[in-house]
């Protein structure tokens, strides 16, 4: 991370933001951002939010999370693969306000928190390790926020915040096999 310039001192700050946002939109509107393997839809979109939050900060991470949320809502509205996907669409879920909070609100909170987490490791003595741990934590934060929103907004689906940790255990068992 090194000595990063403050936003006001970096004349390329907003250009960097726009490049990451363009990459995010490219991912969203191509087959690379949302990989559909029926009955699941897997997303690579959190990666661009994490990268933006790392390089640009919490507010820009929140804006990139908003873009992620809007594209998630769009994708669920036109090509939802399963019922769980359809709840991310305010047009298909039957609960439009809850879907907007789930799709956009959680992703904006994720981007903001990712930026805060990365800001907190600026003072670490072991920067590479701290950034690696922060990136891992940010992925968990994203899952936790989505599962928590599902728990409160769509309780009939049976998800809970604990699913975050179950997913990590499942991922660990897949990687180790």
Foldseek 3Di string as FASTA:
>chain_A
DPDADDPVPDPCLVVVLVVLLVVLVVCLPDCNQWPDDPPDIDGPNVVSLLVCLLRRAQQSSLVSLQSQLVSLQVCLVPPNRDLVSVLLHLVRNVNNVLNSCLRRVLSSVLSNVSNVQNVVLPPPPPNVVSSVVSVVVSVLSSLLSNQCSCCPSVVVVVGHSCVSVVVVVVVVVVVVD
